Amino acid sequence: MSAGRESDGVIQATVRKFPNGADARTGMTNTPLSSDSPLLQPVTVGALQVPNRIWMAPLTRNRAGVDGTPSALQAEYYGQRAGAGVIIAEGSQPSAVGQGYPNTPGLHTDAHQEGWQRIADAVHAGGGRIVVQLMHAGRISHTSTIGGQTPVAPSAVRAAGEVFTATGLQPFSEPRELTADELPGIAAEFADAARRAVAAGLDGVELHAANGYLLHQFLADGVNQRTDSYGGSPQNRARFVVEVATAVSAAIGADRVGIRISPQHGFNDITEDDLSVYEVLVAQLAELKLAYLHVLAAAGDPIVGKLRAAWPATFVLNTGFGADSDRDEVERIVADGVADAVTVGRPFIANPDLVQRWTRGAELNEPDATTFYIGGAKGYTDYPVLA
C-alpha cells in the first residue's frame, strides 16, 4: 500500500506490508513561486489539458468498503485535492483475485463504478482532472483477502515478508503460476476496468507495472522464472505488460492511458539484475502512443535519462520512498527537463491545497502517519486549508 503507500506508497521504513512507495516530500518554503515557474505551466497529456506540473501520486489509504466500493468519504478526499495538475487515484484492483490489501477500491462491479463516478464528479466539480491506477497485486496478497483463492503470479515464487490482512500481519501466501492461456483473460479484465473508469467519468487510467505487483512481477527476472514466451529474454518478460497496455488502449484510447514503472526498485521482494527489459518495454509502449510514462526513480539515476530520451510523450517522475524532496527540488526537475511533471505523495495527504501552498510559499501541514491506512475522516479529510 502506499501513502503513505504510493499506490504504492508505503512508508517503507515501517510498513513493509503495505504496497505503494510512499513519498516523503515535505519541504517548506516562504518564497512564492513566480508566475512563470515551470511548475505552473500548462501541459497537454494525451487527451487532457493539464494546468500545472504538480501531480498527486497514487496513495493507498484503505477507505473503501469491504467489497471494494469507493466510499463517499473518498469522494470528499479526492474532491479536496482537485487543485493537483492530475490526481492519480490509488491502486484499484481490476478483479477480485487482484486485490492485495483490505479496503482497497475495485473497478470490476457496477457498485464499484458508481462509487468512482461520485469521486469523478467531486473532482470535476472542483475543476480537477483524475485518472485511476489499475493495480493487480499478483503474489503480493493473502488467501484471506481474496476469498480463499490462491494469489497468482508469473511463477510460483512466494514473496518474502508479511502482508497486512483484516486480521493483522500474515506471511505472503504462496502463489500459483499463471498458465499462458489465462493471460488474455487478465488483460481483458484490465481493459474492462478501464472501460468502467471512463464510463464513471474518470479522465483515464494508469497501469501499475511497478512496486512489485503483477505486471512488475512479469518484468523482473528475479521473480519471473518462466520458460515459455512470457519469460527468459527481455522481450518475453515485457510481452504481457505490452499486451495489457494494448488491450486497455484499444478499450478506451491510448491517449487516456499512462503506465508506471519502477526499474530496479526492490519493494515487495522484487529483484532485477537485467534492466534492459525496460528499454525493450518503453520502445514498444512508445509505439502505442500512450499519454504518459510515470517512472519511480531518483532524478539522477542514469536510467531516468535513458527512458526520458526514449519516450516521445509526457514523462512523469516520482522520486519517492523517503526521498527528502522539497518544492524547489521538484521545480528544478521540471526546469532542467528531467521530467515534464512530478508526482508528489505524502504532502498531498496533509495539504489538500498543496499547489496553492507551494505557489504562495506557505508552510505545510505535517501528516499524521497513524491514520494513513486505517480510520475514517481523521487524518483523511480534516486537514486545514489556506483561507
Protein backbone atom coordinates (compact mmCIF):
# COMPACT_ATOMS: atom_id res chain seq x y z
CA MET A 1 0.00 0.00 0.00
CA SER A 2 1.17 3.43 -0.14
CA ALA A 3 0.51 6.69 1.39
CA GLY A 4 1.77 6.55 2.85
CA ARG A 5 1.92 3.96 0.25
CA GLU A 6 2.11 5.47 -3.05
CA SER A 7 -0.05 3.16 -4.73
CA ASP A 8 2.04 2.39 -3.97
CA GLY A 9 3.34 4.18 -1.50
CA VAL A 10 4.40 2.70 1.66
CA ILE A 11 6.14 4.18 4.43
CA GLN A 12 8.85 1.87 3.62
CA ALA A 13 10.76 2.22 6.84
CA THR A 14 7.91 0.94 8.97
CA VAL A 15 5.21 -0.62 6.86
CA ARG A 16 6.69 -3.22 4.56
CA LYS A 17 3.37 -4.96 4.20
CA PHE A 18 1.64 -2.07 2.51
CA PRO A 19 2.32 -1.61 -1.10
CA ASN A 20 2.95 1.54 -2.65
CA GLY A 21 6.07 3.57 -2.32
CA ALA A 22 5.43 6.38 -0.01
CA ASP A 23 6.79 9.71 -0.88
CA ALA A 24 8.31 11.95 1.78
CA ARG A 25 8.28 15.29 0.08
CA THR A 26 7.52 17.60 2.97
CA GLY A 27 9.63 20.63 2.14
CA MET A 28 8.54 24.06 3.31
CA THR A 29 9.39 27.43 1.83
CA ASN A 30 8.41 31.03 2.36
CA THR A 31 9.19 32.24 -1.15
CA PRO A 32 6.21 32.38 -3.53
CA LEU A 33 6.57 30.80 -6.95
CA SER A 34 6.90 33.24 -9.82
CA SER A 35 4.08 33.21 -12.35
CA ASP A 36 6.49 31.82 -14.94
CA SER A 37 7.63 28.93 -12.73
CA PRO A 38 7.81 25.74 -14.80
CA LEU A 39 5.63 24.07 -12.17
CA LEU A 40 2.74 26.38 -13.01
CA GLN A 41 2.83 25.98 -16.78
CA PRO A 42 0.12 24.01 -18.57
CA VAL A 43 0.88 20.81 -20.47
CA THR A 44 -1.07 18.62 -22.85
CA VAL A 45 -1.11 15.00 -21.68
CA GLY A 46 -2.81 12.76 -24.19
CA ALA A 47 -6.46 13.76 -24.19
CA LEU A 48 -6.03 16.06 -21.17
CA GLN A 49 -5.19 19.74 -20.89
CA VAL A 50 -3.38 19.99 -17.55
CA PRO A 51 -2.89 23.39 -15.83
CA ASN A 52 0.26 22.62 -13.81
CA ARG A 53 3.08 20.12 -13.35
CA ILE A 54 2.39 19.23 -9.69
CA TRP A 55 0.54 15.91 -9.76
CA MET A 56 -0.82 13.85 -6.90
CA ALA A 57 0.78 10.42 -6.65
CA PRO A 58 -1.38 7.32 -6.17
CA LEU A 59 -1.70 6.69 -2.43
CA THR A 60 -3.36 3.66 -0.89
CA ARG A 61 -5.47 4.79 2.07
CA ASN A 62 -7.80 1.81 2.73
CA ARG A 63 -11.06 3.76 2.99
CA ALA A 64 -13.14 1.75 0.51
CA GLY A 65 -15.86 -0.65 1.60
CA VAL A 66 -15.11 -4.26 2.42
CA ASP A 67 -16.35 -5.19 -1.06
CA GLY A 68 -14.10 -2.61 -2.71
CA THR A 69 -16.79 0.00 -3.34
CA PRO A 70 -15.35 3.54 -3.11
CA SER A 71 -16.91 5.47 -0.26
CA ALA A 72 -18.48 8.92 0.00
CA LEU A 73 -15.53 9.84 2.22
CA GLN A 74 -13.17 9.05 -0.65
CA ALA A 75 -15.16 11.34 -2.94
CA GLU A 76 -14.71 14.14 -0.40
CA TYR A 77 -10.99 13.39 -0.06
CA TYR A 78 -10.26 13.49 -3.78
CA GLY A 79 -12.52 16.48 -4.33
CA GLN A 80 -10.48 18.43 -1.77
CA ARG A 81 -7.33 17.81 -3.84
CA ALA A 82 -8.71 18.92 -7.21
CA GLY A 83 -6.00 21.59 -7.50
CA ALA A 84 -3.41 18.99 -8.46
CA GLY A 85 -2.43 19.06 -12.11
CA VAL A 86 -3.63 15.46 -12.31
CA ILE A 87 -4.77 13.24 -9.46
CA ILE A 88 -3.60 9.67 -9.97
CA ALA A 89 -6.06 7.87 -7.72
CA GLU A 90 -4.97 4.93 -5.60
CA GLY A 91 -4.32 1.46 -6.97
CA SER A 92 -7.60 -0.32 -7.67
CA GLN A 93 -7.98 -4.00 -8.44
CA PRO A 94 -9.43 -5.00 -11.83
CA SER A 95 -10.61 -8.35 -10.42
CA ALA A 96 -11.31 -9.98 -7.07
CA VAL A 97 -8.13 -12.07 -7.17
CA GLY A 98 -6.13 -8.93 -7.97
CA GLN A 99 -6.72 -7.43 -4.52
CA GLY A 100 -3.69 -7.15 -2.26
CA TYR A 101 -4.93 -5.40 0.87
CA PRO A 102 -8.18 -4.90 2.80
CA ASN A 103 -10.45 -1.99 1.91
CA THR A 104 -8.77 -1.07 -1.35
CA PRO A 105 -11.11 0.03 -4.14
CA GLY A 106 -12.05 -2.15 -7.05
CA LEU A 107 -13.23 -1.47 -10.59
CA HIS A 108 -14.94 -4.67 -11.62
CA THR A 109 -18.57 -4.35 -10.43
CA ASP A 110 -21.41 -1.92 -11.05
CA ALA A 111 -21.20 -0.76 -7.42
CA HIS A 112 -17.50 0.00 -7.85
CA GLN A 113 -18.24 2.01 -10.97
CA GLU A 114 -20.93 4.02 -9.21
CA GLY A 115 -18.54 4.79 -6.37
CA TRP A 116 -15.90 6.03 -8.80
CA GLN A 117 -18.50 8.17 -10.54
CA ARG A 118 -19.08 10.02 -7.26
CA ILE A 119 -15.33 10.59 -7.00
CA ALA A 120 -15.04 11.80 -10.60
CA ASP A 121 -17.96 14.18 -10.09
CA ALA A 122 -16.39 15.63 -6.93
CA VAL A 123 -13.03 16.23 -8.61
CA HIS A 124 -14.54 17.72 -11.74
CA ALA A 125 -16.76 20.00 -9.65
CA GLY A 126 -13.53 21.46 -8.27
CA GLY A 127 -12.08 21.92 -11.75
CA GLY A 128 -9.71 18.97 -11.46
CA ARG A 129 -8.59 16.01 -13.52
CA ILE A 130 -8.36 12.44 -12.21
CA VAL A 131 -7.16 9.10 -13.54
CA VAL A 132 -7.25 5.84 -11.60
CA GLN A 133 -4.37 3.43 -11.19
CA LEU A 134 -5.25 -0.15 -12.14
CA MET A 135 -3.31 -2.45 -9.85
CA HIS A 136 -3.33 -6.24 -9.85
CA ALA A 137 -1.37 -7.31 -6.77
CA GLY A 138 -0.44 -10.75 -8.07
CA ARG A 139 1.58 -12.62 -5.44
CA ILE A 140 1.54 -9.63 -3.04
CA SER A 141 -1.59 -10.85 -1.30
CA HIS A 142 -3.04 -13.40 1.08
CA THR A 143 -5.73 -16.02 0.53
CA SER A 144 -7.89 -14.48 3.27
CA THR A 145 -8.04 -11.17 1.39
CA ILE A 146 -9.26 -12.74 -1.84
CA GLY A 147 -11.99 -15.02 -0.54
CA GLY A 148 -9.89 -18.13 -0.12
CA GLN A 149 -8.48 -18.03 -3.63
CA THR A 150 -4.79 -18.54 -4.29
CA PRO A 151 -2.83 -15.47 -5.41
CA VAL A 152 -1.42 -15.66 -8.93
CA ALA A 153 2.00 -14.79 -10.33
CA PRO A 154 4.18 -15.40 -13.38
CA SER A 155 5.92 -18.15 -11.38
CA ALA A 156 5.10 -19.99 -8.15
CA VAL A 157 7.59 -17.98 -6.11
CA ARG A 158 6.39 -16.78 -2.71
CA ALA A 159 7.38 -13.23 -1.74
CA ALA A 160 9.45 -12.91 1.42
CA GLY A 161 7.86 -10.97 4.25
CA GLU A 162 4.36 -10.30 5.52
CA VAL A 163 1.25 -8.63 4.24
CA PHE A 164 -1.43 -6.71 6.08
CA THR A 165 -4.77 -8.55 6.27
CA ALA A 166 -8.08 -7.96 8.04
CA THR A 167 -6.76 -9.97 11.00
CA GLY A 168 -3.27 -8.48 11.08
CA LEU A 169 0.06 -9.31 9.53
CA GLN A 170 0.36 -12.67 7.78
CA PRO A 171 3.13 -14.21 5.66
CA PHE A 172 2.52 -13.75 1.95
CA SER A 173 0.60 -16.71 0.54
CA GLU A 174 2.38 -18.96 -1.94
CA PRO A 175 1.08 -18.07 -5.40
CA ARG A 176 0.28 -20.38 -8.26
CA GLU A 177 1.84 -19.92 -11.67
CA LEU A 178 -0.48 -18.50 -14.29
CA THR A 179 -0.87 -20.52 -17.46
CA ALA A 180 -0.32 -18.80 -20.78
CA ASP A 181 -3.98 -19.46 -21.59
CA GLU A 182 -5.05 -17.37 -18.58
CA LEU A 183 -3.16 -14.24 -19.56
CA PRO A 184 -5.54 -12.93 -22.24
CA GLY A 185 -8.32 -13.08 -19.65
CA ILE A 186 -6.35 -10.93 -17.22
CA ALA A 187 -5.59 -8.42 -19.97
CA ALA A 188 -9.32 -8.35 -20.70
CA GLU A 189 -10.03 -7.63 -17.01
CA PHE A 190 -7.73 -4.62 -17.16
CA ALA A 191 -9.49 -3.45 -20.31
CA ASP A 192 -12.93 -3.88 -18.74
CA ALA A 193 -11.83 -1.95 -15.64
CA ALA A 194 -10.60 0.84 -17.92
CA ARG A 195 -13.96 0.94 -19.70
CA ARG A 196 -15.70 1.20 -16.35
CA ALA A 197 -13.36 4.01 -15.32
CA VAL A 198 -14.19 6.09 -18.38
CA ALA A 199 -17.90 5.27 -18.07
CA ALA A 200 -17.71 6.55 -14.49
CA GLY A 201 -16.37 9.87 -15.76
CA LEU A 202 -12.73 9.42 -14.83
CA ASP A 203 -10.28 11.03 -17.25
CA GLY A 204 -8.20 7.92 -17.83
CA VAL A 205 -6.22 5.13 -16.20
CA GLU A 206 -2.68 4.37 -15.15
CA LEU A 207 -1.39 0.80 -15.44
CA HIS A 208 0.60 -0.18 -12.37
CA ALA A 209 3.70 -2.01 -13.60
CA ALA A 210 5.81 -1.01 -10.59
CA ASN A 211 6.42 -1.72 -6.91
CA GLY A 212 6.39 -5.49 -7.13
CA TYR A 213 2.80 -6.09 -8.26
CA LEU A 214 1.70 -8.46 -11.00
CA LEU A 215 2.85 -6.55 -14.07
CA HIS A 216 6.19 -5.77 -12.42
CA GLN A 217 6.50 -9.44 -11.46
CA PHE A 218 6.46 -10.35 -15.15
CA LEU A 219 9.20 -7.81 -15.89
CA ALA A 220 11.50 -8.86 -13.05
CA ASP A 221 13.97 -11.65 -13.81
CA GLY A 222 14.23 -12.46 -10.10
CA VAL A 223 10.52 -13.35 -9.94
CA ASN A 224 9.63 -14.41 -13.47
CA GLN A 225 11.15 -17.87 -13.92
CA ARG A 226 9.01 -18.92 -16.87
CA THR A 227 10.44 -20.81 -19.81
CA ASP A 228 7.64 -20.03 -22.28
CA SER A 229 7.13 -16.92 -24.43
CA TYR A 230 6.46 -14.81 -21.31
CA GLY A 231 9.78 -15.47 -19.56
CA GLY A 232 13.50 -15.50 -20.11
CA SER A 233 14.53 -12.80 -22.57
CA PRO A 234 13.75 -9.10 -22.04
CA GLN A 235 11.36 -9.26 -24.99
CA ASN A 236 9.48 -12.16 -23.42
CA ARG A 237 9.33 -10.61 -19.95
CA ALA A 238 7.94 -7.38 -21.41
CA ARG A 239 5.36 -9.22 -23.51
CA PHE A 240 2.48 -9.42 -21.02
CA VAL A 241 2.77 -5.78 -19.96
CA VAL A 242 2.63 -4.72 -23.60
CA GLU A 243 -0.38 -6.97 -24.18
CA VAL A 244 -2.21 -5.39 -21.24
CA ALA A 245 -1.36 -1.88 -22.44
CA THR A 246 -2.53 -2.78 -25.94
CA ALA A 247 -5.84 -4.17 -24.67
CA VAL A 248 -6.50 -1.14 -22.47
CA SER A 249 -5.58 1.28 -25.26
CA ALA A 250 -7.98 -0.48 -27.60
CA ALA A 251 -10.72 -0.23 -24.97
CA ILE A 252 -10.53 3.49 -24.13
CA GLY A 253 -7.95 5.07 -26.44
CA ALA A 254 -4.21 5.26 -25.84
CA ASP A 255 -4.47 9.00 -25.15
CA ARG A 256 -6.25 8.14 -21.88
CA VAL A 257 -3.68 5.59 -20.72
CA GLY A 258 -0.49 6.06 -18.69
CA ILE A 259 1.81 3.49 -17.13
CA ARG A 260 4.01 3.43 -14.05
CA ILE A 261 7.31 1.56 -13.78
CA SER A 262 9.99 1.35 -11.07
CA PRO A 263 13.21 -0.08 -12.51
CA GLN A 264 15.36 -1.97 -10.00
CA HIS A 265 13.18 -0.92 -7.10
CA GLY A 266 13.24 -3.75 -4.57
CA PHE A 267 9.90 -3.09 -2.94
CA ASN A 268 7.76 -6.19 -2.29
CA ASP A 269 10.74 -8.54 -2.65
CA ILE A 270 11.45 -7.68 -6.28
CA THR A 271 14.93 -8.42 -7.62
CA GLU A 272 16.04 -7.26 -11.06
CA ASP A 273 19.51 -7.80 -12.50
CA ASP A 274 18.66 -7.25 -16.16
CA LEU A 275 17.31 -3.72 -16.67
CA SER A 276 17.40 -3.99 -20.46
CA VAL A 277 13.79 -5.15 -20.17
CA TYR A 278 12.81 -1.51 -19.57
CA GLU A 279 14.43 -0.31 -22.78
CA VAL A 280 12.54 -3.03 -24.66
CA LEU A 281 9.31 -2.24 -22.82
CA VAL A 282 9.44 1.52 -23.31
CA ALA A 283 10.26 1.18 -27.00
CA GLN A 284 7.19 -1.00 -27.53
CA LEU A 285 4.93 1.16 -25.37
CA ALA A 286 6.03 4.25 -27.30
CA GLU A 287 4.57 2.68 -30.45
CA LEU A 288 1.18 2.55 -28.72
CA LYS A 289 1.25 6.35 -28.21
CA LEU A 290 0.26 6.23 -24.54
CA ALA A 291 -0.46 9.52 -22.79
CA TYR A 292 2.42 9.36 -20.32
CA LEU A 293 5.17 7.30 -18.73
CA HIS A 294 5.45 7.53 -14.92
CA VAL A 295 8.83 6.47 -13.52
CA LEU A 296 9.69 5.89 -9.86
CA ALA A 297 13.43 6.53 -9.51
CA ALA A 298 15.92 9.07 -8.21
CA ALA A 299 16.21 12.07 -10.52
CA GLY A 300 19.93 11.41 -11.00
CA ASP A 301 19.60 7.70 -11.79
CA PRO A 302 21.11 7.06 -15.24
CA ILE A 303 18.09 5.02 -16.28
CA VAL A 304 15.89 8.12 -15.93
CA GLY A 305 17.82 9.89 -18.67
CA LYS A 306 17.74 6.81 -20.90
CA LEU A 307 14.00 6.36 -20.56
CA ARG A 308 13.34 10.08 -20.92
CA ALA A 309 15.25 10.11 -24.21
CA ALA A 310 13.36 7.07 -25.48
CA TRP A 311 9.88 8.30 -24.56
CA PRO A 312 8.14 10.60 -27.07
CA ALA A 313 5.24 11.76 -24.88
CA THR A 314 4.78 13.20 -21.38
CA PHE A 315 7.41 11.92 -18.95
CA VAL A 316 6.44 11.96 -15.26
CA LEU A 317 8.87 11.35 -12.40
CA ASN A 318 8.36 10.30 -8.80
CA THR A 319 11.43 10.28 -6.56
CA GLY A 320 9.50 8.89 -3.57
CA PHE A 321 10.07 6.22 -0.95
CA GLY A 322 11.54 8.53 1.63
CA ALA A 323 13.37 10.91 -0.67
CA ASP A 324 13.63 14.30 1.01
CA SER A 325 12.39 16.37 -1.93
CA ASP A 326 11.10 19.89 -1.41
CA ARG A 327 9.23 22.24 -3.70
CA ASP A 328 12.38 23.83 -5.09
CA GLU A 329 13.86 20.45 -5.97
CA VAL A 330 10.65 19.48 -7.76
CA GLU A 331 10.80 22.77 -9.64
CA ARG A 332 14.40 22.09 -10.70
CA ILE A 333 13.44 18.64 -12.02
CA VAL A 334 10.93 20.23 -14.38
CA ALA A 335 13.06 23.29 -15.18
CA ASP A 336 16.04 21.12 -16.13
CA GLY A 337 13.92 18.94 -18.40
CA VAL A 338 14.43 15.80 -16.32
CA ALA A 339 10.65 15.35 -16.39
CA ASP A 340 7.58 17.15 -17.69
CA ALA A 341 5.74 16.74 -14.38
CA VAL A 342 6.40 15.33 -10.91
CA THR A 343 4.08 13.28 -8.72
CA VAL A 344 4.01 14.14 -5.03
CA GLY A 345 2.68 11.83 -2.35
CA ARG A 346 2.74 12.50 1.38
CA PRO A 347 2.50 16.30 1.16
CA PHE A 348 -0.87 15.89 -0.58
CA ILE A 349 -2.11 13.78 2.33
CA ALA A 350 -1.82 16.64 4.82
CA ASN A 351 -2.20 19.51 2.35
CA PRO A 352 -5.26 19.23 0.13
CA ASP A 353 -4.34 22.66 -1.23
CA LEU A 354 -0.68 21.78 -1.86
CA VAL A 355 -0.49 23.57 -5.21
CA GLN A 356 -1.81 26.74 -3.59
CA ARG A 357 0.60 26.42 -0.66
CA TRP A 358 3.60 25.87 -2.90
CA THR A 359 2.50 28.76 -5.11
CA ARG A 360 2.23 31.13 -2.14
CA GLY A 361 5.29 29.80 -0.34
CA ALA A 362 3.17 28.82 2.67
CA GLU A 363 4.25 26.29 5.27
CA LEU A 364 2.90 22.77 5.04
CA ASN A 365 0.81 20.74 7.44
CA GLU A 366 2.53 17.59 8.69
CA PRO A 367 0.74 14.28 8.02
CA ASP A 368 -0.45 12.02 10.83
CA ALA A 369 1.12 8.66 9.96
CA THR A 370 -1.11 6.78 12.41
CA THR A 371 -4.09 7.43 10.12
CA PHE A 372 -2.51 6.56 6.78
CA TYR A 373 -4.10 3.13 6.40
CA ILE A 374 -6.87 2.93 8.96
CA GLY A 375 -9.72 5.05 10.19
CA GLY A 376 -12.31 7.41 8.82
CA ALA A 377 -12.22 11.17 8.36
CA LYS A 378 -9.46 11.79 10.92
CA GLY A 379 -6.19 12.27 9.10
CA TYR A 380 -8.02 11.93 5.80
CA THR A 381 -10.40 14.80 5.12
CA ASP A 382 -9.84 17.03 8.17
CA TYR A 383 -6.56 18.80 7.33
CA PRO A 384 -6.84 22.62 7.28
CA VAL A 385 -6.53 24.63 4.07
CA LEU A 386 -5.43 28.20 3.45
CA ALA A 387 -8.02 30.93 3.63
